Amino acid sequence: ISDVPPEREVEFTIDLVPGTSPISMAPYRKSASELNELKKQLEELLEK
């Protein structure tokens, strides 16, 4: 296939609820000890 399909206009909208604000939260939460252990494991893997 050597031809590129023709461009076409796509209508896309996101309906928002009045008075809401964007959600900002971390996808995963770990305790400090779990985070330190994870960092330690990552550093060990990167050293290999």
C-alpha atoms as a PDB file:
ATOM      1  CA  ILE A   1       0.000   0.000   0.000  1.00  0.00           C
ATOM      2  CA  SER A   2       1.606   3.207  -1.129  1.00  0.00           C
ATOM      3  CA  ASP A   3      -1.300   5.602  -0.803  1.00  0.00           C
ATOM      4  CA  VAL A   4      -2.090   7.452   2.381  1.00  0.00           C
ATOM      5  CA  PRO A   5      -5.790   7.553   3.268  1.00  0.00           C
ATOM      6  CA  PRO A   6      -7.418  10.951   2.756  1.00  0.00           C
ATOM      7  CA  GLU A   7      -7.667  13.296   5.709  1.00  0.00           C
ATOM      8  CA  ARG A   8     -11.104  13.534   7.222  1.00  0.00           C
ATOM      9  CA  GLU A   9     -12.592  15.673   9.925  1.00  0.00           C
ATOM     10  CA  VAL A  10     -13.457  13.920  13.185  1.00  0.00           C
ATOM     11  CA  GLU A  11     -15.859  15.483  15.646  1.00  0.00           C
ATOM     12  CA  PHE A  12     -14.818  14.823  19.245  1.00  0.00           C
ATOM     13  CA  THR A  13     -15.989  16.457  22.467  1.00  0.00           C
ATOM     14  CA  ILE A  14     -15.727  15.851  26.190  1.00  0.00           C
ATOM     15  CA  ASP A  15     -18.752  16.962  28.153  1.00  0.00           C
ATOM     16  CA  LEU A  16     -17.818  18.688  31.413  1.00  0.00           C
ATOM     17  CA  VAL A  17     -19.973  19.075  34.492  1.00  0.00           C
ATOM     18  CA  PRO A  18     -20.169  22.727  35.650  1.00  0.00           C
ATOM     19  CA  GLY A  19     -18.362  23.435  38.918  1.00  0.00           C
ATOM     20  CA  THR A  20     -15.961  20.486  38.728  1.00  0.00           C
ATOM     21  CA  SER A  21     -12.189  20.787  38.799  1.00  0.00           C
ATOM     22  CA  PRO A  22      -9.480  18.583  37.284  1.00  0.00           C
ATOM     23  CA  ILE A  23      -8.564  15.501  39.300  1.00  0.00           C
ATOM     24  CA  SER A  24      -4.933  15.454  40.343  1.00  0.00           C
ATOM     25  CA  MET A  25      -3.767  12.358  42.174  1.00  0.00           C
ATOM     26  CA  ALA A  26      -0.861   9.959  42.061  1.00  0.00           C
ATOM     27  CA  PRO A  27      -1.661   6.690  40.301  1.00  0.00           C
ATOM     28  CA  TYR A  28       0.065   4.607  42.990  1.00  0.00           C
ATOM     29  CA  ARG A  29       0.760   5.352  46.618  1.00  0.00           C
ATOM     30  CA  LYS A  30       3.413   3.560  48.627  1.00  0.00           C
ATOM     31  CA  SER A  31       4.632   3.958  52.153  1.00  0.00           C
ATOM     32  CA  ALA A  32       8.097   5.460  52.652  1.00  0.00           C
ATOM     33  CA  SER A  33       9.594   2.066  53.524  1.00  0.00           C
ATOM     34  CA  GLU A  34       8.086   0.445  50.412  1.00  0.00           C
ATOM     35  CA  LEU A  35       9.359   3.299  48.258  1.00  0.00           C
ATOM     36  CA  ASN A  36      12.874   3.005  49.701  1.00  0.00           C
ATOM     37  CA  GLU A  37      12.876  -0.754  49.078  1.00  0.00           C
ATOM     38  CA  LEU A  38      11.705  -0.221  45.509  1.00  0.00           C
ATOM     39  CA  LYS A  39      14.424   2.383  44.882  1.00  0.00           C
ATOM     40  CA  LYS A  40      17.042   0.019  46.312  1.00  0.00           C
ATOM     41  CA  GLN A  41      15.886  -2.808  44.032  1.00  0.00           C
ATOM     42  CA  LEU A  42      15.903  -0.488  41.020  1.00  0.00           C
ATOM     43  CA  GLU A  43      19.449   0.683  41.748  1.00  0.00           C
ATOM     44  CA  GLU A  44      20.598  -2.941  42.076  1.00  0.00           C
ATOM     45  CA  LEU A  45      19.047  -3.804  38.713  1.00  0.00           C
ATOM     46  CA  LEU A  46      20.626  -0.781  37.027  1.00  0.00           C
ATOM     47  CA  GLU A  47      24.076  -1.754  38.329  1.00  0.00           C
ATOM     48  CA  LYS A  48      23.954  -5.108  36.472  1.00  0.00           C
END
